[in-house]
Amino acid sequence: MVVFDREETGPGGQVGEDEAEDSGAEEETGRGAFGSEEAHGVQSRVEKESVDQTSRLTENDPIVRGVTADDGSPVPETEQDQALRDLVSTVDALLDPPGCEWNRAQTHRSLVTYLIEETYELVEAIEDGDVTDLREELGDVLYQVVLHAGIASRSGEGFDLGDVVAEVDEKIRRRHPHVFGADSANGVDDIVRLWSAAKAREKTSRESAYDGVPLGLPALARAQKIGSRAEATGAVSEPAGSCAPVTAPEPDSEEAWGRWLLERVDEASSRGWDAERALRGALRERESALREAERRRRGTPQPE
């Protein structure tokens, strides 16, 4: 696995040479993770001790697929399984001594920027790239997942990649009871209803329909998510004061509406306003009004 495969790429994603030097990364950022003789020695050690390096991947681990078929026979490991084993071994080599100084210094928080960048690069590949771009960016996001899991397993957080895979597998099965359970679904609407019901059972600690919408979402995306939650609960949007709509454009397509929205962004810029911050503020007002209406319907007092 080549860590620095582009001019400005670092182990966690896009990073300039100055950042790589400041972070204690390899001196020659154009070289791969195994570009020096010393690193080649690490690779050889990993290959010779692959059983030790992948000791976390037991026969019962979903990564290795150490499961049996209906007739009780073992399911053979596939090339896909081996490829994931190899990636886990590579990350192990980066995180275990002597490993890579840059990787070993990282935390979940320090890697957030890279995760966001890689995710947006994947979105770009989906929307504007080709199959090669898509495959590469999916790999970069997967590397982030494996890296975070590796950090967690070494930081005493109580889980590793096997736990991550097992948990998401169980969750997806729970949320598809028409496939893995006794329920039946007559069309997409039924499937969405079953998914939503299963998710609601999992999230019993949430006190509001608007809980769980990430604050870190871009304002436009969060506005739509809050709106969809309001619609799903049957709530009527109750804009108050400055939340009331100012104008109602009538574009005839999504593309035309996008152009109209871009014009509004240009207008904000010409007035010296931050468009994203303005939308966040308006969205906070709307969400506050929706939450207050929700409390009134439930008869619960407003929190101090």
C-alpha atoms as a PDB file:
ATOM      1  CA  MET A   1       0.000   0.000   0.000  1.00  0.00           C
ATOM      2  CA  VAL A   2       1.540   3.297  -1.072  1.00  0.00           C
ATOM      3  CA  VAL A   3       1.031   5.935   1.555  1.00  0.00           C
ATOM      4  CA  PHE A   4       2.335   8.929  -0.377  1.00  0.00           C
ATOM      5  CA  ASP A   5       1.217   8.237  -3.924  1.00  0.00           C
ATOM      6  CA  ARG A   6       0.564  11.839  -4.970  1.00  0.00           C
ATOM      7  CA  GLU A   7       2.506  15.070  -4.610  1.00  0.00           C
ATOM      8  CA  GLU A   8       0.439  16.384  -1.698  1.00  0.00           C
ATOM      9  CA  THR A   9      -0.796  13.176  -0.136  1.00  0.00           C
ATOM     10  CA  GLY A  10       0.010  12.063   3.402  1.00  0.00           C
ATOM     11  CA  PRO A  11      -0.845   8.938   5.349  1.00  0.00           C
ATOM     12  CA  GLY A  12      -4.212  10.289   6.455  1.00  0.00           C
ATOM     13  CA  GLY A  13      -5.178  11.779   3.116  1.00  0.00           C
ATOM     14  CA  GLN A  14      -4.340  15.108   1.472  1.00  0.00           C
ATOM     15  CA  VAL A  15      -1.483  16.828   3.300  1.00  0.00           C
ATOM     16  CA  GLY A  16       1.259  19.145   2.088  1.00  0.00           C
ATOM     17  CA  GLU A  17       4.962  18.472   2.479  1.00  0.00           C
ATOM     18  CA  ASP A  18       5.257  21.001   5.296  1.00  0.00           C
ATOM     19  CA  GLU A  19       2.502  19.235   7.228  1.00  0.00           C
ATOM     20  CA  ALA A  20       4.143  15.893   6.639  1.00  0.00           C
ATOM     21  CA  GLU A  21       7.447  17.182   7.986  1.00  0.00           C
ATOM     22  CA  ASP A  22       5.776  18.812  10.987  1.00  0.00           C
ATOM     23  CA  SER A  23       3.924  15.595  11.742  1.00  0.00           C
ATOM     24  CA  GLY A  24       7.068  13.500  11.711  1.00  0.00           C
ATOM     25  CA  ALA A  25       6.207  11.718   8.482  1.00  0.00           C
ATOM     26  CA  GLU A  26       8.791  10.204   6.171  1.00  0.00           C
ATOM     27  CA  GLU A  27      11.397  12.675   4.950  1.00  0.00           C
ATOM     28  CA  GLU A  28      10.773  11.823   1.345  1.00  0.00           C
ATOM     29  CA  THR A  29       7.021  12.158   0.913  1.00  0.00           C
ATOM     30  CA  GLY A  30       7.138  10.823  -2.615  1.00  0.00           C
ATOM     31  CA  ARG A  31       8.168   7.380  -1.353  1.00  0.00           C
ATOM     32  CA  GLY A  32       5.833   4.640  -0.326  1.00  0.00           C
ATOM     33  CA  ALA A  33       5.365   3.351   3.197  1.00  0.00           C
ATOM     34  CA  PHE A  34       7.904   0.639   2.383  1.00  0.00           C
ATOM     35  CA  GLY A  35      10.211   2.888   0.337  1.00  0.00           C
ATOM     36  CA  SER A  36      13.355   2.627   2.494  1.00  0.00           C
ATOM     37  CA  GLU A  37      15.523  -0.348   3.380  1.00  0.00           C
ATOM     38  CA  GLU A  38      14.381  -0.088   6.976  1.00  0.00           C
ATOM     39  CA  ALA A  39      10.747  -0.098   5.935  1.00  0.00           C
ATOM     40  CA  HIS A  40      11.426  -3.040   3.631  1.00  0.00           C
ATOM     41  CA  GLY A  41      12.649  -4.847   6.718  1.00  0.00           C
ATOM     42  CA  VAL A  42       9.377  -4.018   8.441  1.00  0.00           C
ATOM     43  CA  GLN A  43       7.465  -5.404   5.470  1.00  0.00           C
ATOM     44  CA  SER A  44       9.494  -8.604   5.549  1.00  0.00           C
ATOM     45  CA  ARG A  45       8.855  -8.952   9.242  1.00  0.00           C
ATOM     46  CA  VAL A  46       5.142  -8.464   8.654  1.00  0.00           C
ATOM     47  CA  GLU A  47       5.133 -11.112   5.936  1.00  0.00           C
ATOM     48  CA  LYS A  48       7.048 -13.584   8.112  1.00  0.00           C
ATOM     49  CA  GLU A  49       4.851 -12.942  11.122  1.00  0.00           C
ATOM     50  CA  SER A  50       1.534 -12.539   9.329  1.00  0.00           C
ATOM     51  CA  VAL A  51      -0.179 -14.881  11.753  1.00  0.00           C
ATOM     52  CA  ASP A  52       0.817 -12.640  14.657  1.00  0.00           C
ATOM     53  CA  GLN A  53      -0.057  -9.462  12.798  1.00  0.00           C
ATOM     54  CA  THR A  54      -3.577 -10.748  12.054  1.00  0.00           C
ATOM     55  CA  SER A  55      -4.164 -12.507  15.360  1.00  0.00           C
ATOM     56  CA  ARG A  56      -7.264 -10.388  15.889  1.00  0.00           C
ATOM     57  CA  LEU A  57      -8.880 -11.989  12.864  1.00  0.00           C
ATOM     58  CA  THR A  58     -10.048 -15.286  14.294  1.00  0.00           C
ATOM     59  CA  GLU A  59     -12.052 -17.894  12.487  1.00  0.00           C
ATOM     60  CA  ASN A  60     -15.196 -16.428  13.993  1.00  0.00           C
ATOM     61  CA  ASP A  61     -14.411 -12.932  12.825  1.00  0.00           C
ATOM     62  CA  PRO A  62     -16.684 -11.610  10.045  1.00  0.00           C
ATOM     63  CA  ILE A  63     -13.683 -10.177   8.230  1.00  0.00           C
ATOM     64  CA  VAL A  64     -12.259 -13.629   7.604  1.00  0.00           C
ATOM     65  CA  ARG A  65     -15.677 -15.161   7.064  1.00  0.00           C
ATOM     66  CA  GLY A  66     -14.878 -18.118   9.249  1.00  0.00           C
ATOM     67  CA  VAL A  67     -18.461 -19.289   8.967  1.00  0.00           C
ATOM     68  CA  THR A  68     -20.104 -22.430   7.723  1.00  0.00           C
ATOM     69  CA  ALA A  69     -22.507 -23.047   4.898  1.00  0.00           C
ATOM     70  CA  ASP A  70     -25.952 -24.556   5.370  1.00  0.00           C
ATOM     71  CA  ASP A  71     -24.470 -28.056   5.099  1.00  0.00           C
ATOM     72  CA  GLY A  72     -21.928 -27.282   7.836  1.00  0.00           C
ATOM     73  CA  SER A  73     -18.923 -27.062   5.543  1.00  0.00           C
ATOM     74  CA  PRO A  74     -16.516 -24.134   6.016  1.00  0.00           C
ATOM     75  CA  VAL A  75     -16.891 -21.225   3.657  1.00  0.00           C
ATOM     76  CA  PRO A  76     -13.585 -20.817   1.816  1.00  0.00           C
ATOM     77  CA  GLU A  77     -11.767 -17.529   2.069  1.00  0.00           C
ATOM     78  CA  THR A  78     -12.128 -15.418  -1.059  1.00  0.00           C
ATOM     79  CA  GLU A  79      -9.738 -13.001  -2.733  1.00  0.00           C
ATOM     80  CA  GLN A  80     -11.828 -10.216  -1.223  1.00  0.00           C
ATOM     81  CA  ASP A  81     -11.288 -11.623   2.269  1.00  0.00           C
ATOM     82  CA  GLN A  82      -7.540 -11.903   1.693  1.00  0.00           C
ATOM     83  CA  ALA A  83      -7.381  -8.349   0.357  1.00  0.00           C
ATOM     84  CA  LEU A  84      -8.994  -7.038   3.530  1.00  0.00           C
ATOM     85  CA  ARG A  85      -6.630  -9.174   5.618  1.00  0.00           C
ATOM     86  CA  ASP A  86      -3.724  -7.581   3.762  1.00  0.00           C
ATOM     87  CA  LEU A  87      -5.032  -4.055   4.410  1.00  0.00           C
ATOM     88  CA  VAL A  88      -5.451  -4.802   8.121  1.00  0.00           C
ATOM     89  CA  SER A  89      -1.889  -6.184   8.214  1.00  0.00           C
ATOM     90  CA  THR A  90      -0.600  -3.054   6.486  1.00  0.00           C
ATOM     91  CA  VAL A  91      -2.328  -0.788   9.010  1.00  0.00           C
ATOM     92  CA  ASP A  92      -1.027  -2.992  11.831  1.00  0.00           C
ATOM     93  CA  ALA A  93       2.500  -2.469  10.497  1.00  0.00           C
ATOM     94  CA  LEU A  94       1.968   1.290  10.460  1.00  0.00           C
ATOM     95  CA  LEU A  95       0.585   1.444  14.004  1.00  0.00           C
ATOM     96  CA  ASP A  96       2.709  -1.166  15.785  1.00  0.00           C
ATOM     97  CA  PRO A  97       6.339  -0.417  16.756  1.00  0.00           C
ATOM     98  CA  PRO A  98       8.441   0.618  14.952  1.00  0.00           C
ATOM     99  CA  GLY A  99       5.778   1.415  12.377  1.00  0.00           C
ATOM    100  CA  CYS A 100       5.225   4.887  10.957  1.00  0.00           C
ATOM    101  CA  GLU A 101       5.858   7.795  13.313  1.00  0.00           C
ATOM    102  CA  TRP A 102       3.163   9.891  11.621  1.00  0.00           C
ATOM    103  CA  ASN A 103       0.466   7.214  11.848  1.00  0.00           C
ATOM    104  CA  ARG A 104       1.375   6.282  15.410  1.00  0.00           C
ATOM    105  CA  ALA A 105       0.953   9.934  16.473  1.00  0.00           C
ATOM    106  CA  GLN A 106      -2.596  10.212  15.126  1.00  0.00           C
ATOM    107  CA  THR A 107      -5.869  10.183  17.070  1.00  0.00           C
ATOM    108  CA  HIS A 108      -9.497   9.968  15.992  1.00  0.00           C
ATOM    109  CA  ARG A 109      -9.745  13.745  16.308  1.00  0.00           C
ATOM    110  CA  SER A 110      -6.576  14.536  14.363  1.00  0.00           C
ATOM    111  CA  LEU A 111      -7.793  12.379  11.468  1.00  0.00           C
ATOM    112  CA  VAL A 112     -11.197  14.070  11.123  1.00  0.00           C
ATOM    113  CA  THR A 113      -9.952  16.477   8.438  1.00  0.00           C
ATOM    114  CA  TYR A 114      -8.671  13.598   6.324  1.00  0.00           C
ATOM    115  CA  LEU A 115     -11.898  11.629   6.733  1.00  0.00           C
ATOM    116  CA  ILE A 116     -13.933  14.626   5.555  1.00  0.00           C
ATOM    117  CA  GLU A 117     -11.624  15.225   2.599  1.00  0.00           C
ATOM    118  CA  GLU A 118     -11.670  11.578   1.538  1.00  0.00           C
ATOM    119  CA  THR A 119     -15.456  11.470   1.837  1.00  0.00           C
ATOM    120  CA  TYR A 120     -15.882  14.520  -0.373  1.00  0.00           C
ATOM    121  CA  GLU A 121     -13.425  13.070  -2.866  1.00  0.00           C
ATOM    122  CA  LEU A 122     -15.566   9.940  -2.971  1.00  0.00           C
ATOM    123  CA  VAL A 123     -18.671  12.067  -3.594  1.00  0.00           C
ATOM    124  CA  GLU A 124     -16.845  13.818  -6.419  1.00  0.00           C
ATOM    125  CA  ALA A 125     -15.818  10.474  -7.928  1.00  0.00           C
ATOM    126  CA  ILE A 126     -19.423   9.247  -7.775  1.00  0.00           C
ATOM    127  CA  GLU A 127     -20.824  12.378  -9.381  1.00  0.00           C
ATOM    128  CA  ASP A 128     -18.102  13.318 -11.858  1.00  0.00           C
ATOM    129  CA  GLY A 129     -15.476  10.569 -11.983  1.00  0.00           C
ATOM    130  CA  ASP A 130     -15.050   7.236 -13.699  1.00  0.00           C
ATOM    131  CA  VAL A 131     -14.879   3.699 -12.348  1.00  0.00           C
ATOM    132  CA  THR A 132     -11.154   4.016 -11.636  1.00  0.00           C
ATOM    133  CA  ASP A 133     -11.715   7.143  -9.555  1.00  0.00           C
ATOM    134  CA  LEU A 134     -14.575   5.490  -7.695  1.00  0.00           C
ATOM    135  CA  ARG A 135     -12.513   2.422  -6.832  1.00  0.00           C
ATOM    136  CA  GLU A 136      -9.612   4.545  -5.601  1.00  0.00           C
ATOM    137  CA  GLU A 137     -11.738   6.829  -3.426  1.00  0.00           C
ATOM    138  CA  LEU A 138     -13.693   3.925  -1.933  1.00  0.00           C
ATOM    139  CA  GLY A 139     -10.334   2.471  -0.953  1.00  0.00           C
ATOM    140  CA  ASP A 140      -9.236   5.735   0.657  1.00  0.00           C
ATOM    141  CA  VAL A 141     -12.407   5.849   2.772  1.00  0.00           C
ATOM    142  CA  LEU A 142     -11.982   2.190   3.709  1.00  0.00           C
ATOM    143  CA  TYR A 143      -8.406   2.913   4.792  1.00  0.00           C
ATOM    144  CA  GLN A 144      -9.740   5.600   7.121  1.00  0.00           C
ATOM    145  CA  VAL A 145     -12.171   3.106   8.694  1.00  0.00           C
ATOM    146  CA  VAL A 146      -9.458   0.482   9.207  1.00  0.00           C
ATOM    147  CA  LEU A 147      -7.077   3.117  10.588  1.00  0.00           C
ATOM    148  CA  HIS A 148      -9.622   4.438  13.104  1.00  0.00           C
ATOM    149  CA  ALA A 149     -10.446   0.897  14.212  1.00  0.00           C
ATOM    150  CA  GLY A 150      -6.742   0.131  14.607  1.00  0.00           C
ATOM    151  CA  ILE A 151      -6.252   3.229  16.744  1.00  0.00           C
ATOM    152  CA  ALA A 152      -9.257   2.282  18.884  1.00  0.00           C
ATOM    153  CA  SER A 153      -7.966  -1.237  19.505  1.00  0.00           C
ATOM    154  CA  ARG A 154      -4.628   0.144  20.693  1.00  0.00           C
ATOM    155  CA  SER A 155      -6.115   2.909  22.832  1.00  0.00           C
ATOM    156  CA  GLY A 156      -8.134   0.680  25.119  1.00  0.00           C
ATOM    157  CA  GLU A 157     -11.464   1.773  23.634  1.00  0.00           C
ATOM    158  CA  GLY A 158     -12.809  -1.754  23.717  1.00  0.00           C
ATOM    159  CA  PHE A 159     -13.314  -2.510  20.036  1.00  0.00           C
ATOM    160  CA  ASP A 160     -11.456  -3.333  16.853  1.00  0.00           C
ATOM    161  CA  LEU A 161     -12.326  -3.689  13.174  1.00  0.00           C
ATOM    162  CA  GLY A 162     -14.004  -7.036  13.739  1.00  0.00           C
ATOM    163  CA  ASP A 163     -16.388  -5.419  16.220  1.00  0.00           C
ATOM    164  CA  VAL A 164     -17.124  -2.587  13.785  1.00  0.00           C
ATOM    165  CA  VAL A 165     -17.926  -5.016  10.966  1.00  0.00           C
ATOM    166  CA  ALA A 166     -20.010  -7.302  13.181  1.00  0.00           C
ATOM    167  CA  GLU A 167     -22.025  -4.405  14.608  1.00  0.00           C
ATOM    168  CA  VAL A 168     -22.904  -2.844  11.269  1.00  0.00           C
ATOM    169  CA  ASP A 169     -23.766  -6.286   9.871  1.00  0.00           C
ATOM    170  CA  GLU A 170     -26.164  -6.916  12.748  1.00  0.00           C
ATOM    171  CA  LYS A 171     -27.701  -3.462  12.356  1.00  0.00           C
ATOM    172  CA  ILE A 172     -28.322  -3.831   8.631  1.00  0.00           C
ATOM    173  CA  ARG A 173     -29.942  -7.219   9.225  1.00  0.00           C
ATOM    174  CA  ARG A 174     -32.198  -5.752  11.938  1.00  0.00           C
ATOM    175  CA  ARG A 175     -33.267  -2.948   9.640  1.00  0.00           C
ATOM    176  CA  HIS A 176     -34.163  -5.334   6.806  1.00  0.00           C
ATOM    177  CA  PRO A 177     -36.631  -7.655   8.574  1.00  0.00           C
ATOM    178  CA  HIS A 178     -38.338  -8.329   5.245  1.00  0.00           C
ATOM    179  CA  VAL A 179     -35.090 -10.004   4.104  1.00  0.00           C
ATOM    180  CA  PHE A 180     -33.648 -11.462   7.310  1.00  0.00           C
ATOM    181  CA  GLY A 181     -36.782 -11.739   9.452  1.00  0.00           C
ATOM    182  CA  ALA A 182     -40.429 -12.722   9.299  1.00  0.00           C
ATOM    183  CA  ASP A 183     -41.810  -9.380   8.088  1.00  0.00           C
ATOM    184  CA  SER A 184     -42.926  -8.779   4.532  1.00  0.00           C
ATOM    185  CA  ALA A 185     -42.782  -5.599   2.497  1.00  0.00           C
ATOM    186  CA  ASN A 186     -45.039  -4.613  -0.347  1.00  0.00           C
ATOM    187  CA  GLY A 187     -42.990  -2.007  -2.139  1.00  0.00           C
ATOM    188  CA  VAL A 188     -40.479   0.667  -1.209  1.00  0.00           C
ATOM    189  CA  ASP A 189     -42.839   2.515   1.154  1.00  0.00           C
ATOM    190  CA  ASP A 190     -43.164  -0.605   3.310  1.00  0.00           C
ATOM    191  CA  ILE A 191     -39.387  -1.103   3.273  1.00  0.00           C
ATOM    192  CA  VAL A 192     -38.832   2.477   4.473  1.00  0.00           C
ATOM    193  CA  ARG A 193     -41.481   2.003   7.171  1.00  0.00           C
ATOM    194  CA  LEU A 194     -39.805  -1.175   8.453  1.00  0.00           C
ATOM    195  CA  TRP A 195     -36.384   0.492   8.402  1.00  0.00           C
ATOM    196  CA  SER A 196     -37.684   3.531  10.307  1.00  0.00           C
ATOM    197  CA  ALA A 197     -39.443   1.371  12.893  1.00  0.00           C
ATOM    198  CA  ALA A 198     -36.320  -0.718  13.480  1.00  0.00           C
ATOM    199  CA  LYS A 199     -34.190   2.407  13.792  1.00  0.00           C
ATOM    200  CA  ALA A 200     -36.662   3.953  16.264  1.00  0.00           C
ATOM    201  CA  ARG A 201     -36.407   0.846  18.465  1.00  0.00           C
ATOM    202  CA  GLU A 202     -32.622   1.205  18.470  1.00  0.00           C
ATOM    203  CA  LYS A 203     -32.673   4.913  19.335  1.00  0.00           C
ATOM    204  CA  THR A 204     -35.001   4.866  22.344  1.00  0.00           C
ATOM    205  CA  SER A 205     -32.784   7.326  24.217  1.00  0.00           C
ATOM    206  CA  ARG A 206     -33.630  10.111  21.762  1.00  0.00           C
ATOM    207  CA  GLU A 207     -36.108  12.602  23.171  1.00  0.00           C
ATOM    208  CA  SER A 208     -36.894  14.465  19.966  1.00  0.00           C
ATOM    209  CA  ALA A 209     -37.490  13.636  16.331  1.00  0.00           C
ATOM    210  CA  TYR A 210     -34.727  16.115  15.579  1.00  0.00           C
ATOM    211  CA  ASP A 211     -32.085  14.435  17.717  1.00  0.00           C
ATOM    212  CA  GLY A 212     -29.350  12.662  15.807  1.00  0.00           C
ATOM    213  CA  VAL A 213     -29.086  15.100  12.904  1.00  0.00           C
ATOM    214  CA  PRO A 214     -25.340  15.856  12.938  1.00  0.00           C
ATOM    215  CA  LEU A 215     -24.464  19.452  13.726  1.00  0.00           C
ATOM    216  CA  GLY A 216     -21.437  19.038  11.477  1.00  0.00           C
ATOM    217  CA  LEU A 217     -23.535  18.626   8.341  1.00  0.00           C
ATOM    218  CA  PRO A 218     -23.303  21.478   5.853  1.00  0.00           C
ATOM    219  CA  ALA A 219     -26.164  23.898   6.506  1.00  0.00           C
ATOM    220  CA  LEU A 220     -28.056  23.073   3.309  1.00  0.00           C
ATOM    221  CA  ALA A 221     -27.907  19.331   3.952  1.00  0.00           C
ATOM    222  CA  ARG A 222     -28.909  19.808   7.589  1.00  0.00           C
ATOM    223  CA  ALA A 223     -31.800  22.064   6.621  1.00  0.00           C
ATOM    224  CA  GLN A 224     -33.188  19.370   4.337  1.00  0.00           C
ATOM    225  CA  LYS A 225     -32.688  16.688   6.990  1.00  0.00           C
ATOM    226  CA  ILE A 226     -34.540  18.735   9.624  1.00  0.00           C
ATOM    227  CA  GLY A 227     -37.280  19.360   7.081  1.00  0.00           C
ATOM    228  CA  SER A 228     -37.638  15.670   6.281  1.00  0.00           C
ATOM    229  CA  ARG A 229     -37.837  14.834   9.994  1.00  0.00           C
ATOM    230  CA  ALA A 230     -40.594  17.426  10.412  1.00  0.00           C
ATOM    231  CA  GLU A 231     -42.497  15.997   7.454  1.00  0.00           C
ATOM    232  CA  ALA A 232     -42.096  12.431   8.716  1.00  0.00           C
ATOM    233  CA  THR A 233     -43.599  13.346  12.104  1.00  0.00           C
ATOM    234  CA  GLY A 234     -46.492  15.198  10.495  1.00  0.00           C
ATOM    235  CA  ALA A 235     -45.320  18.503  11.973  1.00  0.00           C
ATOM    236  CA  VAL A 236     -46.255  21.671  10.177  1.00  0.00           C
ATOM    237  CA  SER A 237     -43.315  24.010   9.888  1.00  0.00           C
ATOM    238  CA  GLU A 238     -43.965  26.958  12.154  1.00  0.00           C
ATOM    239  CA  PRO A 239     -41.525  29.639  11.074  1.00  0.00           C
ATOM    240  CA  ALA A 240     -41.406  32.500  13.542  1.00  0.00           C
ATOM    241  CA  GLY A 241     -40.195  36.013  12.961  1.00  0.00           C
ATOM    242  CA  SER A 242     -37.170  36.019  10.718  1.00  0.00           C
ATOM    243  CA  CYS A 243     -37.785  32.358   9.824  1.00  0.00           C
ATOM    244  CA  ALA A 244     -40.736  33.344   7.619  1.00  0.00           C
ATOM    245  CA  PRO A 245     -40.043  32.922   3.905  1.00  0.00           C
ATOM    246  CA  VAL A 246     -39.052  36.129   2.150  1.00  0.00           C
ATOM    247  CA  THR A 247     -39.527  35.191  -1.485  1.00  0.00           C
ATOM    248  CA  ALA A 248     -40.684  32.067  -3.265  1.00  0.00           C
ATOM    249  CA  PRO A 249     -38.727  31.381  -6.464  1.00  0.00           C
ATOM    250  CA  GLU A 250     -40.389  29.402  -9.182  1.00  0.00           C
ATOM    251  CA  PRO A 251     -37.636  27.587 -11.090  1.00  0.00           C
ATOM    252  CA  ASP A 252     -38.851  24.826 -13.350  1.00  0.00           C
ATOM    253  CA  SER A 253     -36.149  22.260 -12.583  1.00  0.00           C
ATOM    254  CA  GLU A 254     -33.609  21.254  -9.968  1.00  0.00           C
ATOM    255  CA  GLU A 255     -30.840  22.691 -12.132  1.00  0.00           C
ATOM    256  CA  ALA A 256     -32.668  26.015 -12.464  1.00  0.00           C
ATOM    257  CA  TRP A 257     -33.277  26.108  -8.723  1.00  0.00           C
ATOM    258  CA  GLY A 258     -29.567  25.496  -8.183  1.00  0.00           C
ATOM    259  CA  ARG A 259     -28.744  28.506 -10.346  1.00  0.00           C
ATOM    260  CA  TRP A 260     -31.235  30.600  -8.370  1.00  0.00           C
ATOM    261  CA  LEU A 261     -29.624  29.451  -5.112  1.00  0.00           C
ATOM    262  CA  LEU A 262     -26.168  30.307  -6.428  1.00  0.00           C
ATOM    263  CA  GLU A 263     -27.406  33.805  -7.226  1.00  0.00           C
ATOM    264  CA  ARG A 264     -28.536  34.157  -3.607  1.00  0.00           C
ATOM    265  CA  VAL A 265     -25.068  33.085  -2.461  1.00  0.00           C
ATOM    266  CA  ASP A 266     -23.532  35.717  -4.762  1.00  0.00           C
ATOM    267  CA  GLU A 267     -25.899  38.286  -3.304  1.00  0.00           C
ATOM    268  CA  ALA A 268     -24.819  37.384   0.228  1.00  0.00           C
ATOM    269  CA  SER A 269     -21.170  37.714  -0.764  1.00  0.00           C
ATOM    270  CA  SER A 270     -21.763  41.136  -2.300  1.00  0.00           C
ATOM    271  CA  ARG A 271     -23.297  42.271   1.016  1.00  0.00           C
ATOM    272  CA  GLY A 272     -20.405  40.859   3.016  1.00  0.00           C
ATOM    273  CA  TRP A 273     -22.522  38.097   4.547  1.00  0.00           C
ATOM    274  CA  ASP A 274     -21.446  34.508   5.180  1.00  0.00           C
ATOM    275  CA  ALA A 275     -24.052  32.423   3.340  1.00  0.00           C
ATOM    276  CA  GLU A 276     -23.368  29.226   5.267  1.00  0.00           C
ATOM    277  CA  ARG A 277     -23.480  31.023   8.624  1.00  0.00           C
ATOM    278  CA  ALA A 278     -26.678  32.831   7.643  1.00  0.00           C
ATOM    279  CA  LEU A 279     -28.373  29.569   6.765  1.00  0.00           C
ATOM    280  CA  ARG A 280     -27.154  27.932   9.981  1.00  0.00           C
ATOM    281  CA  GLY A 281     -28.701  30.783  11.972  1.00  0.00           C
ATOM    282  CA  ALA A 282     -32.031  30.561  10.160  1.00  0.00           C
ATOM    283  CA  LEU A 283     -31.998  26.790  10.579  1.00  0.00           C
ATOM    284  CA  ARG A 284     -31.376  27.102  14.327  1.00  0.00           C
ATOM    285  CA  GLU A 285     -34.443  29.323  14.569  1.00  0.00           C
ATOM    286  CA  ARG A 286     -36.571  26.890  12.610  1.00  0.00           C
ATOM    287  CA  GLU A 287     -35.343  23.875  14.562  1.00  0.00           C
ATOM    288  CA  SER A 288     -36.020  25.685  17.827  1.00  0.00           C
ATOM    289  CA  ALA A 289     -39.585  26.437  16.697  1.00  0.00           C
ATOM    290  CA  LEU A 290     -40.120  22.826  15.624  1.00  0.00           C
ATOM    291  CA  ARG A 291     -38.776  21.467  18.904  1.00  0.00           C
ATOM    292  CA  GLU A 292     -41.006  23.841  20.874  1.00  0.00           C
ATOM    293  CA  ALA A 293     -44.044  22.729  18.853  1.00  0.00           C
ATOM    294  CA  GLU A 294     -43.057  19.117  19.505  1.00  0.00           C
ATOM    295  CA  ARG A 295     -42.850  19.781  23.251  1.00  0.00           C
ATOM    296  CA  ARG A 296     -46.264  21.438  23.224  1.00  0.00           C
ATOM    297  CA  ARG A 297     -47.805  18.439  21.479  1.00  0.00           C
ATOM    298  CA  ARG A 298     -46.259  16.118  24.051  1.00  0.00           C
ATOM    299  CA  GLY A 299     -47.140  18.359  26.947  1.00  0.00           C
ATOM    300  CA  THR A 300     -43.555  18.445  28.200  1.00  0.00           C
ATOM    301  CA  PRO A 301     -42.122  21.598  29.780  1.00  0.00           C
ATOM    302  CA  GLN A 302     -39.466  23.590  27.954  1.00  0.00           C
ATOM    303  CA  PRO A 303     -35.988  22.859  29.333  1.00  0.00           C
ATOM    304  CA  GLU A 304     -34.366  25.575  31.449  1.00  0.00           C
END
